[in-house]
Amino acid sequence: MADNKVKPKEIPNYMKFVIGGCAGMSGTLFVQPLDLVKNRMQLSGIGTAKKEYTSSFNAISKIFRNEGLFAFYNGLSAGLLRQATYSSTRLGVYTWLFTKFSNTDGTPPSFLVKAGLGSLAGICGAFVGTPAEIALIRMTADGKLPPAERRNYTNVFSALARITREEGFFTLWRGVIPTMGRSVVVNAVQLATYSQAKELLEKTGYFTEGILLHFCGSMISGFFTTVASLPVDIAKTRIQNMKMIEGKPEFSGTFDVFVKLVKNEGVFALWKGFTPYYARIGPHTVLTFIFLEQYTNLFKQYCMD
């Protein structure tokens, strides 16, 4: 007798990418202010010996007082485009590689292989997302500059068009090497520590699979990821925001940023913006997964009848 069982419909691969991008964008709506504060703190101290912000709370207070509440969402369009490009590409590449490297019996690849695939997917996502990242860095930094020095991009597409016209097409990928380096560190450390943290928390007997476990695991993972990746993130931020001085760039590369930063601002300047960076990375991961589940369920409910 023929098997009359109907296989359940699966979400098309392209929709997995779309849903992943939408989930990342939705998370960004909540954490964009933290991105802005982080970028402002990382860029403070350039060209001056005076410390611009004494802490994250001091930065938040000054931004609110000098620029208003809506200033915290400057660069939102760039943040959304970054998620649409970076998250979608990373998810798409990782899903494809995961399938390719899975065993013939359907068992997933080993932990180390998954970490390697995640890092490779992160590199691809970082490359595709770098133009939006540059626009985001510049748009969030604009408010701290004197009015005469501001770039005044109206939105991410205006930023990309003006950067191409005024500075050349390849400027859109300025800082792509430290951006990809940061992505390798983030994906490798985040994957390893998140998995380990969840395992240890479950062993305590106080946690079961669910949002609380995901949140706590993400926050533990976020701490170690922040410690490991923040110096590279600062180098990336400064390179992408730098201007030409007498025809020469402010920094010649990542190592030059590290040397000048430590020399002029001290070794702990490598972790400037630690609090907003850490406060962003954990919740954004949790929010992204929550939105991912909800959007997936909605698609199944309304588009797969």
C-alpha atoms as a PDB file:
ATOM      1  CA  MET A   1       0.000   0.000   0.000  1.00  0.00           C
ATOM      2  CA  ALA A   2       1.184   3.467  -0.810  1.00  0.00           C
ATOM      3  CA  ASP A   3       2.112   5.695   2.059  1.00  0.00           C
ATOM      4  CA  ASN A   4      -0.608   8.352   2.124  1.00  0.00           C
ATOM      5  CA  LYS A   5       1.052  10.403   4.838  1.00  0.00           C
ATOM      6  CA  VAL A   6       1.510  14.003   3.795  1.00  0.00           C
ATOM      7  CA  LYS A   7       4.787  15.519   4.814  1.00  0.00           C
ATOM      8  CA  PRO A   8       4.381  18.764   6.755  1.00  0.00           C
ATOM      9  CA  LYS A   9       5.152  21.836   4.741  1.00  0.00           C
ATOM     10  CA  GLU A  10       8.485  23.489   5.423  1.00  0.00           C
ATOM     11  CA  ILE A  11       9.236  27.204   5.395  1.00  0.00           C
ATOM     12  CA  PRO A  12      11.076  28.063   2.153  1.00  0.00           C
ATOM     13  CA  ASN A  13      14.782  28.801   2.639  1.00  0.00           C
ATOM     14  CA  TYR A  14      14.457  32.362   1.332  1.00  0.00           C
ATOM     15  CA  MET A  15      11.760  33.067   3.944  1.00  0.00           C
ATOM     16  CA  LYS A  16      14.088  31.829   6.694  1.00  0.00           C
ATOM     17  CA  PHE A  17      16.510  34.575   5.644  1.00  0.00           C
ATOM     18  CA  VAL A  18      13.714  37.165   5.514  1.00  0.00           C
ATOM     19  CA  ILE A  19      12.358  36.146   8.919  1.00  0.00           C
ATOM     20  CA  GLY A  20      15.865  36.170  10.413  1.00  0.00           C
ATOM     21  CA  GLY A  21      16.516  39.664   9.078  1.00  0.00           C
ATOM     22  CA  CYS A  22      13.152  40.917  10.341  1.00  0.00           C
ATOM     23  CA  ALA A  23      13.844  39.426  13.778  1.00  0.00           C
ATOM     24  CA  GLY A  24      17.212  41.204  13.970  1.00  0.00           C
ATOM     25  CA  MET A  25      15.635  44.478  12.848  1.00  0.00           C
ATOM     26  CA  SER A  26      12.905  44.182  15.481  1.00  0.00           C
ATOM     27  CA  GLY A  27      15.519  43.655  18.193  1.00  0.00           C
ATOM     28  CA  THR A  28      17.381  46.740  16.964  1.00  0.00           C
ATOM     29  CA  LEU A  29      14.321  48.918  17.627  1.00  0.00           C
ATOM     30  CA  PHE A  30      14.882  48.230  21.330  1.00  0.00           C
ATOM     31  CA  VAL A  31      18.693  48.418  21.546  1.00  0.00           C
ATOM     32  CA  GLN A  32      19.477  51.271  19.121  1.00  0.00           C
ATOM     33  CA  PRO A  33      19.942  53.791  21.989  1.00  0.00           C
ATOM     34  CA  LEU A  34      22.606  51.515  23.523  1.00  0.00           C
ATOM     35  CA  ASP A  35      24.389  51.342  20.165  1.00  0.00           C
ATOM     36  CA  LEU A  36      24.455  55.130  20.008  1.00  0.00           C
ATOM     37  CA  VAL A  37      25.825  55.490  23.548  1.00  0.00           C
ATOM     38  CA  LYS A  38      28.477  52.815  22.873  1.00  0.00           C
ATOM     39  CA  ASN A  39      29.641  54.527  19.683  1.00  0.00           C
ATOM     40  CA  ARG A  40      29.768  57.945  21.339  1.00  0.00           C
ATOM     41  CA  MET A  41      31.889  56.597  24.196  1.00  0.00           C
ATOM     42  CA  GLN A  42      34.240  54.771  21.852  1.00  0.00           C
ATOM     43  CA  LEU A  43      34.788  57.944  19.824  1.00  0.00           C
ATOM     44  CA  SER A  44      35.248  60.227  22.837  1.00  0.00           C
ATOM     45  CA  GLY A  45      38.721  61.499  23.566  1.00  0.00           C
ATOM     46  CA  ILE A  46      39.861  61.742  19.944  1.00  0.00           C
ATOM     47  CA  GLY A  47      42.017  64.808  19.445  1.00  0.00           C
ATOM     48  CA  THR A  48      41.645  65.987  23.033  1.00  0.00           C
ATOM     49  CA  ALA A  49      43.060  65.094  26.413  1.00  0.00           C
ATOM     50  CA  LYS A  50      39.743  65.911  28.079  1.00  0.00           C
ATOM     51  CA  LYS A  51      37.549  62.969  29.011  1.00  0.00           C
ATOM     52  CA  GLU A  52      34.198  63.583  27.342  1.00  0.00           C
ATOM     53  CA  TYR A  53      32.117  61.127  29.357  1.00  0.00           C
ATOM     54  CA  THR A  54      32.856  59.801  32.832  1.00  0.00           C
ATOM     55  CA  SER A  55      30.467  56.844  32.507  1.00  0.00           C
ATOM     56  CA  SER A  56      27.634  55.441  30.416  1.00  0.00           C
ATOM     57  CA  PHE A  57      25.089  57.206  32.599  1.00  0.00           C
ATOM     58  CA  ASN A  58      26.970  60.473  32.187  1.00  0.00           C
ATOM     59  CA  ALA A  59      26.898  59.973  28.398  1.00  0.00           C
ATOM     60  CA  ILE A  60      23.149  59.271  28.461  1.00  0.00           C
ATOM     61  CA  SER A  61      22.557  62.369  30.582  1.00  0.00           C
ATOM     62  CA  LYS A  62      24.598  64.651  28.316  1.00  0.00           C
ATOM     63  CA  ILE A  63      23.043  63.329  25.118  1.00  0.00           C
ATOM     64  CA  PHE A  64      19.535  63.763  26.540  1.00  0.00           C
ATOM     65  CA  ARG A  65      20.284  67.245  27.874  1.00  0.00           C
ATOM     66  CA  ASN A  66      22.069  68.560  24.777  1.00  0.00           C
ATOM     67  CA  GLU A  67      20.245  66.778  21.951  1.00  0.00           C
ATOM     68  CA  GLY A  68      16.920  65.569  23.271  1.00  0.00           C
ATOM     69  CA  LEU A  69      15.212  62.201  23.658  1.00  0.00           C
ATOM     70  CA  PHE A  70      14.917  61.373  19.953  1.00  0.00           C
ATOM     71  CA  ALA A  71      18.684  61.757  19.512  1.00  0.00           C
ATOM     72  CA  PHE A  72      19.034  58.241  20.931  1.00  0.00           C
ATOM     73  CA  TYR A  73      17.497  56.967  17.708  1.00  0.00           C
ATOM     74  CA  ASN A  74      19.821  58.835  15.367  1.00  0.00           C
ATOM     75  CA  GLY A  75      21.033  56.357  12.768  1.00  0.00           C
ATOM     76  CA  LEU A  76      18.084  54.001  13.254  1.00  0.00           C
ATOM     77  CA  SER A  77      17.656  53.542   9.492  1.00  0.00           C
ATOM     78  CA  ALA A  78      21.325  52.468   9.271  1.00  0.00           C
ATOM     79  CA  GLY A  79      20.886  50.107  12.214  1.00  0.00           C
ATOM     80  CA  LEU A  80      17.880  48.494  10.527  1.00  0.00           C
ATOM     81  CA  LEU A  81      19.691  48.163   7.193  1.00  0.00           C
ATOM     82  CA  ARG A  82      22.670  46.635   8.976  1.00  0.00           C
ATOM     83  CA  GLN A  83      20.438  43.950  10.457  1.00  0.00           C
ATOM     84  CA  ALA A  84      18.695  43.413   7.110  1.00  0.00           C
ATOM     85  CA  THR A  85      22.066  42.764   5.445  1.00  0.00           C
ATOM     86  CA  TYR A  86      24.264  41.340   8.223  1.00  0.00           C
ATOM     87  CA  SER A  87      21.737  39.128  10.022  1.00  0.00           C
ATOM     88  CA  SER A  88      20.116  37.808   6.860  1.00  0.00           C
ATOM     89  CA  THR A  89      23.466  36.929   5.268  1.00  0.00           C
ATOM     90  CA  ARG A  90      24.883  35.354   8.422  1.00  0.00           C
ATOM     91  CA  LEU A  91      21.740  33.282   8.977  1.00  0.00           C
ATOM     92  CA  GLY A  92      21.531  32.237   5.327  1.00  0.00           C
ATOM     93  CA  VAL A  93      25.168  31.203   5.063  1.00  0.00           C
ATOM     94  CA  TYR A  94      25.128  29.413   8.426  1.00  0.00           C
ATOM     95  CA  THR A  95      21.941  27.475   7.561  1.00  0.00           C
ATOM     96  CA  TRP A  96      23.374  26.423   4.201  1.00  0.00           C
ATOM     97  CA  LEU A  97      26.741  25.378   5.687  1.00  0.00           C
ATOM     98  CA  PHE A  98      25.045  23.611   8.607  1.00  0.00           C
ATOM     99  CA  THR A  99      23.087  21.446   6.158  1.00  0.00           C
ATOM    100  CA  LYS A 100      26.193  20.752   4.068  1.00  0.00           C
ATOM    101  CA  PHE A 101      28.272  19.651   7.072  1.00  0.00           C
ATOM    102  CA  SER A 102      25.563  17.609   8.803  1.00  0.00           C
ATOM    103  CA  ASN A 103      25.982  13.847   8.719  1.00  0.00           C
ATOM    104  CA  THR A 104      24.041  11.731   6.236  1.00  0.00           C
ATOM    105  CA  ASP A 105      21.850  10.348   9.039  1.00  0.00           C
ATOM    106  CA  GLY A 106      20.728  13.849   9.931  1.00  0.00           C
ATOM    107  CA  THR A 107      22.846  14.326  13.068  1.00  0.00           C
ATOM    108  CA  PRO A 108      24.304  17.837  13.341  1.00  0.00           C
ATOM    109  CA  PRO A 109      28.031  18.588  13.060  1.00  0.00           C
ATOM    110  CA  SER A 110      30.275  18.667  16.149  1.00  0.00           C
ATOM    111  CA  PHE A 111      30.495  21.676  18.441  1.00  0.00           C
ATOM    112  CA  LEU A 112      33.866  22.804  17.038  1.00  0.00           C
ATOM    113  CA  VAL A 113      32.580  22.500  13.475  1.00  0.00           C
ATOM    114  CA  LYS A 114      29.508  24.571  14.399  1.00  0.00           C
ATOM    115  CA  ALA A 115      31.773  27.228  15.951  1.00  0.00           C
ATOM    116  CA  GLY A 116      33.844  27.310  12.759  1.00  0.00           C
ATOM    117  CA  LEU A 117      30.740  27.536  10.571  1.00  0.00           C
ATOM    118  CA  GLY A 118      29.391  30.337  12.745  1.00  0.00           C
ATOM    119  CA  SER A 119      32.643  32.277  12.414  1.00  0.00           C
ATOM    120  CA  LEU A 120      32.697  31.825   8.631  1.00  0.00           C
ATOM    121  CA  ALA A 121      29.060  32.896   8.366  1.00  0.00           C
ATOM    122  CA  GLY A 122      29.881  35.906  10.534  1.00  0.00           C
ATOM    123  CA  ILE A 123      32.700  36.936   8.176  1.00  0.00           C
ATOM    124  CA  CYS A 124      30.333  36.817   5.195  1.00  0.00           C
ATOM    125  CA  GLY A 125      27.685  38.791   7.083  1.00  0.00           C
ATOM    126  CA  ALA A 126      30.231  41.365   8.228  1.00  0.00           C
ATOM    127  CA  PHE A 127      31.444  41.948   4.671  1.00  0.00           C
ATOM    128  CA  VAL A 128      27.918  42.479   3.345  1.00  0.00           C
ATOM    129  CA  GLY A 129      26.892  44.605   6.331  1.00  0.00           C
ATOM    130  CA  THR A 130      29.945  46.913   6.471  1.00  0.00           C
ATOM    131  CA  PRO A 131      28.468  49.767   4.343  1.00  0.00           C
ATOM    132  CA  ALA A 132      25.440  50.025   6.641  1.00  0.00           C
ATOM    133  CA  GLU A 133      27.778  49.730   9.642  1.00  0.00           C
ATOM    134  CA  ILE A 134      29.811  52.732   8.458  1.00  0.00           C
ATOM    135  CA  ALA A 135      26.634  54.759   7.967  1.00  0.00           C
ATOM    136  CA  LEU A 136      25.486  53.739  11.464  1.00  0.00           C
ATOM    137  CA  ILE A 137      28.772  54.759  13.101  1.00  0.00           C
ATOM    138  CA  ARG A 138      28.771  58.153  11.391  1.00  0.00           C
ATOM    139  CA  MET A 139      25.110  58.914  11.996  1.00  0.00           C
ATOM    140  CA  THR A 140      25.277  58.051  15.695  1.00  0.00           C
ATOM    141  CA  ALA A 141      28.463  60.116  16.093  1.00  0.00           C
ATOM    142  CA  ASP A 142      27.222  63.221  14.273  1.00  0.00           C
ATOM    143  CA  GLY A 143      25.531  64.846  17.259  1.00  0.00           C
ATOM    144  CA  LYS A 144      28.789  65.077  19.248  1.00  0.00           C
ATOM    145  CA  LEU A 145      30.502  67.142  16.555  1.00  0.00           C
ATOM    146  CA  PRO A 146      30.417  70.936  16.239  1.00  0.00           C
ATOM    147  CA  PRO A 147      27.646  72.017  13.805  1.00  0.00           C
ATOM    148  CA  ALA A 148      30.191  72.991  11.119  1.00  0.00           C
ATOM    149  CA  GLU A 149      31.770  69.517  11.144  1.00  0.00           C
ATOM    150  CA  ARG A 150      28.602  67.425  11.088  1.00  0.00           C
ATOM    151  CA  ARG A 151      27.864  65.283   8.057  1.00  0.00           C
ATOM    152  CA  ASN A 152      24.080  65.652   8.471  1.00  0.00           C
ATOM    153  CA  TYR A 153      23.061  62.496   6.635  1.00  0.00           C
ATOM    154  CA  THR A 154      19.261  62.458   6.431  1.00  0.00           C
ATOM    155  CA  ASN A 155      18.989  58.646   6.303  1.00  0.00           C
ATOM    156  CA  VAL A 156      21.090  55.580   5.562  1.00  0.00           C
ATOM    157  CA  PHE A 157      20.562  55.787   1.793  1.00  0.00           C
ATOM    158  CA  SER A 158      21.603  59.441   1.788  1.00  0.00           C
ATOM    159  CA  ALA A 159      24.692  58.450   3.787  1.00  0.00           C
ATOM    160  CA  LEU A 160      25.657  55.658   1.385  1.00  0.00           C
ATOM    161  CA  ALA A 161      25.116  57.889  -1.666  1.00  0.00           C
ATOM    162  CA  ARG A 162      27.157  60.768  -0.235  1.00  0.00           C
ATOM    163  CA  ILE A 163      29.988  58.538   0.970  1.00  0.00           C
ATOM    164  CA  THR A 164      30.245  57.045  -2.520  1.00  0.00           C
ATOM    165  CA  ARG A 165      30.097  60.451  -4.209  1.00  0.00           C
ATOM    166  CA  GLU A 166      32.373  62.362  -1.828  1.00  0.00           C
ATOM    167  CA  GLU A 167      34.873  59.711  -0.718  1.00  0.00           C
ATOM    168  CA  GLY A 168      34.713  56.939  -3.302  1.00  0.00           C
ATOM    169  CA  PHE A 169      32.901  53.616  -3.600  1.00  0.00           C
ATOM    170  CA  PHE A 170      35.475  51.572  -1.678  1.00  0.00           C
ATOM    171  CA  THR A 171      35.113  53.826   1.372  1.00  0.00           C
ATOM    172  CA  LEU A 172      31.907  51.877   2.009  1.00  0.00           C
ATOM    173  CA  TRP A 173      34.163  48.978   3.054  1.00  0.00           C
ATOM    174  CA  ARG A 174      36.582  51.002   5.165  1.00  0.00           C
ATOM    175  CA  GLY A 175      37.428  49.025   8.275  1.00  0.00           C
ATOM    176  CA  VAL A 176      36.102  45.784   6.775  1.00  0.00           C
ATOM    177  CA  ILE A 177      39.071  43.760   8.105  1.00  0.00           C
ATOM    178  CA  PRO A 178      38.542  44.665  11.810  1.00  0.00           C
ATOM    179  CA  THR A 179      34.786  44.326  11.219  1.00  0.00           C
ATOM    180  CA  MET A 180      35.254  40.752  10.013  1.00  0.00           C
ATOM    181  CA  GLY A 181      37.788  40.130  12.806  1.00  0.00           C
ATOM    182  CA  ARG A 182      35.247  41.296  15.370  1.00  0.00           C
ATOM    183  CA  SER A 183      32.634  39.040  13.804  1.00  0.00           C
ATOM    184  CA  VAL A 184      34.931  36.007  14.121  1.00  0.00           C
ATOM    185  CA  VAL A 185      35.560  36.750  17.805  1.00  0.00           C
ATOM    186  CA  VAL A 186      31.896  37.455  18.549  1.00  0.00           C
ATOM    187  CA  ASN A 187      30.573  34.345  16.816  1.00  0.00           C
ATOM    188  CA  ALA A 188      33.231  31.989  18.208  1.00  0.00           C
ATOM    189  CA  VAL A 189      33.125  33.242  21.823  1.00  0.00           C
ATOM    190  CA  GLN A 190      29.363  33.828  21.895  1.00  0.00           C
ATOM    191  CA  LEU A 191      28.536  30.368  20.572  1.00  0.00           C
ATOM    192  CA  ALA A 192      30.902  28.570  22.944  1.00  0.00           C
ATOM    193  CA  THR A 193      30.016  30.490  26.116  1.00  0.00           C
ATOM    194  CA  TYR A 194      26.257  30.572  25.439  1.00  0.00           C
ATOM    195  CA  SER A 195      26.129  26.808  25.015  1.00  0.00           C
ATOM    196  CA  GLN A 196      28.268  26.220  28.118  1.00  0.00           C
ATOM    197  CA  ALA A 197      26.339  28.734  30.238  1.00  0.00           C
ATOM    198  CA  LYS A 198      22.982  27.130  29.359  1.00  0.00           C
ATOM    199  CA  GLU A 199      24.352  23.686  30.234  1.00  0.00           C
ATOM    200  CA  LEU A 200      25.687  24.825  33.626  1.00  0.00           C
ATOM    201  CA  LEU A 201      22.503  26.739  34.484  1.00  0.00           C
ATOM    202  CA  GLU A 202      20.322  23.728  33.678  1.00  0.00           C
ATOM    203  CA  LYS A 203      22.491  21.539  35.926  1.00  0.00           C
ATOM    204  CA  THR A 204      21.669  23.779  38.914  1.00  0.00           C
ATOM    205  CA  GLY A 205      18.071  22.574  38.732  1.00  0.00           C
ATOM    206  CA  TYR A 206      16.688  26.119  38.886  1.00  0.00           C
ATOM    207  CA  PHE A 207      16.342  26.577  35.120  1.00  0.00           C
ATOM    208  CA  THR A 208      14.388  24.782  32.418  1.00  0.00           C
ATOM    209  CA  GLU A 209      14.276  25.427  28.671  1.00  0.00           C
ATOM    210  CA  GLY A 210      12.584  28.778  28.096  1.00  0.00           C
ATOM    211  CA  ILE A 211      13.013  32.536  27.851  1.00  0.00           C
ATOM    212  CA  LEU A 212      14.521  32.905  31.360  1.00  0.00           C
ATOM    213  CA  LEU A 213      17.240  30.356  30.593  1.00  0.00           C
ATOM    214  CA  HIS A 214      17.923  31.998  27.221  1.00  0.00           C
ATOM    215  CA  PHE A 215      18.146  35.426  28.841  1.00  0.00           C
ATOM    216  CA  CYS A 216      20.526  34.365  31.620  1.00  0.00           C
ATOM    217  CA  GLY A 217      22.657  32.357  29.216  1.00  0.00           C
ATOM    218  CA  SER A 218      22.801  35.309  26.840  1.00  0.00           C
ATOM    219  CA  MET A 219      23.871  37.717  29.588  1.00  0.00           C
ATOM    220  CA  ILE A 220      26.664  35.394  30.775  1.00  0.00           C
ATOM    221  CA  SER A 221      27.754  34.832  27.194  1.00  0.00           C
ATOM    222  CA  GLY A 222      27.504  38.562  26.498  1.00  0.00           C
ATOM    223  CA  PHE A 223      29.950  39.375  29.303  1.00  0.00           C
ATOM    224  CA  PHE A 224      32.714  37.174  27.908  1.00  0.00           C
ATOM    225  CA  THR A 225      31.936  38.199  24.341  1.00  0.00           C
ATOM    226  CA  THR A 226      32.185  41.866  25.328  1.00  0.00           C
ATOM    227  CA  VAL A 227      35.548  41.399  27.049  1.00  0.00           C
ATOM    228  CA  ALA A 228      36.960  39.563  24.030  1.00  0.00           C
ATOM    229  CA  SER A 229      35.527  41.623  21.181  1.00  0.00           C
ATOM    230  CA  LEU A 230      35.261  45.212  22.455  1.00  0.00           C
ATOM    231  CA  PRO A 231      38.884  46.251  21.657  1.00  0.00           C
ATOM    232  CA  VAL A 232      38.404  45.129  18.039  1.00  0.00           C
ATOM    233  CA  ASP A 233      35.020  46.870  17.952  1.00  0.00           C
ATOM    234  CA  ILE A 234      36.592  50.142  19.108  1.00  0.00           C
ATOM    235  CA  ALA A 235      39.269  49.909  16.413  1.00  0.00           C
ATOM    236  CA  LYS A 236      36.561  49.270  13.818  1.00  0.00           C
ATOM    237  CA  THR A 237      34.468  52.202  15.059  1.00  0.00           C
ATOM    238  CA  ARG A 238      37.356  54.682  14.973  1.00  0.00           C
ATOM    239  CA  ILE A 239      38.579  53.593  11.546  1.00  0.00           C
ATOM    240  CA  GLN A 240      35.096  53.841  10.051  1.00  0.00           C
ATOM    241  CA  ASN A 241      34.497  57.291  11.515  1.00  0.00           C
ATOM    242  CA  MET A 242      37.963  58.767  10.831  1.00  0.00           C
ATOM    243  CA  LYS A 243      38.543  61.781   8.615  1.00  0.00           C
ATOM    244  CA  MET A 244      41.457  62.712   6.404  1.00  0.00           C
ATOM    245  CA  ILE A 245      43.960  65.104   8.024  1.00  0.00           C
ATOM    246  CA  GLU A 246      46.144  66.969   5.515  1.00  0.00           C
ATOM    247  CA  GLY A 247      45.429  64.276   2.961  1.00  0.00           C
ATOM    248  CA  LYS A 248      46.296  61.411   5.311  1.00  0.00           C
ATOM    249  CA  PRO A 249      43.966  59.148   7.309  1.00  0.00           C
ATOM    250  CA  GLU A 250      43.987  59.421  11.099  1.00  0.00           C
ATOM    251  CA  PHE A 251      44.844  55.732  11.476  1.00  0.00           C
ATOM    252  CA  SER A 252      46.817  53.394   9.232  1.00  0.00           C
ATOM    253  CA  GLY A 253      45.120  50.256  10.548  1.00  0.00           C
ATOM    254  CA  THR A 254      43.840  48.329  13.550  1.00  0.00           C
ATOM    255  CA  PHE A 255      47.225  48.055  15.264  1.00  0.00           C
ATOM    256  CA  ASP A 256      47.787  51.810  14.852  1.00  0.00           C
ATOM    257  CA  VAL A 257      44.464  52.453  16.605  1.00  0.00           C
ATOM    258  CA  PHE A 258      45.499  50.198  19.511  1.00  0.00           C
ATOM    259  CA  VAL A 259      48.900  51.905  19.887  1.00  0.00           C
ATOM    260  CA  LYS A 260      47.507  55.456  19.794  1.00  0.00           C
ATOM    261  CA  LEU A 261      44.576  54.571  22.039  1.00  0.00           C
ATOM    262  CA  VAL A 262      46.738  53.018  24.763  1.00  0.00           C
ATOM    263  CA  LYS A 263      49.366  55.781  24.470  1.00  0.00           C
ATOM    264  CA  ASN A 264      46.923  58.699  24.615  1.00  0.00           C
ATOM    265  CA  GLU A 265      44.059  57.349  26.724  1.00  0.00           C
ATOM    266  CA  GLY A 266      45.399  54.376  28.680  1.00  0.00           C
ATOM    267  CA  VAL A 267      44.991  50.617  28.363  1.00  0.00           C
ATOM    268  CA  PHE A 268      41.449  50.586  29.782  1.00  0.00           C
ATOM    269  CA  ALA A 269      40.333  52.780  26.879  1.00  0.00           C
ATOM    270  CA  LEU A 270      40.299  49.533  24.884  1.00  0.00           C
ATOM    271  CA  TRP A 271      37.080  48.713  26.756  1.00  0.00           C
ATOM    272  CA  LYS A 272      35.356  52.089  26.399  1.00  0.00           C
ATOM    273  CA  GLY A 273      31.602  51.705  26.189  1.00  0.00           C
ATOM    274  CA  PHE A 274      31.671  48.364  28.027  1.00  0.00           C
ATOM    275  CA  THR A 275      28.349  48.872  29.829  1.00  0.00           C
ATOM    276  CA  PRO A 276      26.152  49.789  26.811  1.00  0.00           C
ATOM    277  CA  TYR A 277      27.912  47.171  24.654  1.00  0.00           C
ATOM    278  CA  TYR A 278      27.288  44.482  27.254  1.00  0.00           C
ATOM    279  CA  ALA A 279      23.749  45.700  27.953  1.00  0.00           C
ATOM    280  CA  ARG A 280      23.021  45.500  24.223  1.00  0.00           C
ATOM    281  CA  ILE A 281      24.485  42.146  23.218  1.00  0.00           C
ATOM    282  CA  GLY A 282      22.556  39.904  25.634  1.00  0.00           C
ATOM    283  CA  PRO A 283      19.051  41.382  25.328  1.00  0.00           C
ATOM    284  CA  HIS A 284      19.400  41.779  21.555  1.00  0.00           C
ATOM    285  CA  THR A 285      20.151  38.056  21.255  1.00  0.00           C
ATOM    286  CA  VAL A 286      17.132  37.152  23.390  1.00  0.00           C
ATOM    287  CA  LEU A 287      14.828  39.620  21.598  1.00  0.00           C
ATOM    288  CA  THR A 288      15.979  38.385  18.203  1.00  0.00           C
ATOM    289  CA  PHE A 289      15.162  34.775  19.103  1.00  0.00           C
ATOM    290  CA  ILE A 290      11.772  35.753  20.568  1.00  0.00           C
ATOM    291  CA  PHE A 291      10.844  37.677  17.408  1.00  0.00           C
ATOM    292  CA  LEU A 292      12.219  34.852  15.278  1.00  0.00           C
ATOM    293  CA  GLU A 293       9.871  32.361  16.941  1.00  0.00           C
ATOM    294  CA  GLN A 294       6.867  34.691  16.708  1.00  0.00           C
ATOM    295  CA  TYR A 295       7.409  35.602  13.043  1.00  0.00           C
ATOM    296  CA  THR A 296       7.933  31.934  12.177  1.00  0.00           C
ATOM    297  CA  ASN A 297       4.667  30.995  13.888  1.00  0.00           C
ATOM    298  CA  LEU A 298       2.799  33.830  12.163  1.00  0.00           C
ATOM    299  CA  PHE A 299       4.119  32.760   8.750  1.00  0.00           C
ATOM    300  CA  LYS A 300       3.083  29.166   9.389  1.00  0.00           C
ATOM    301  CA  GLN A 301      -0.340  30.243  10.602  1.00  0.00           C
ATOM    302  CA  TYR A 302      -1.255  32.684   7.833  1.00  0.00           C
ATOM    303  CA  CYS A 303       0.876  31.703   4.840  1.00  0.00           C
ATOM    304  CA  MET A 304       1.131  27.908   4.994  1.00  0.00           C
ATOM    305  CA  ASP A 305      -2.494  26.776   5.274  1.00  0.00           C
END
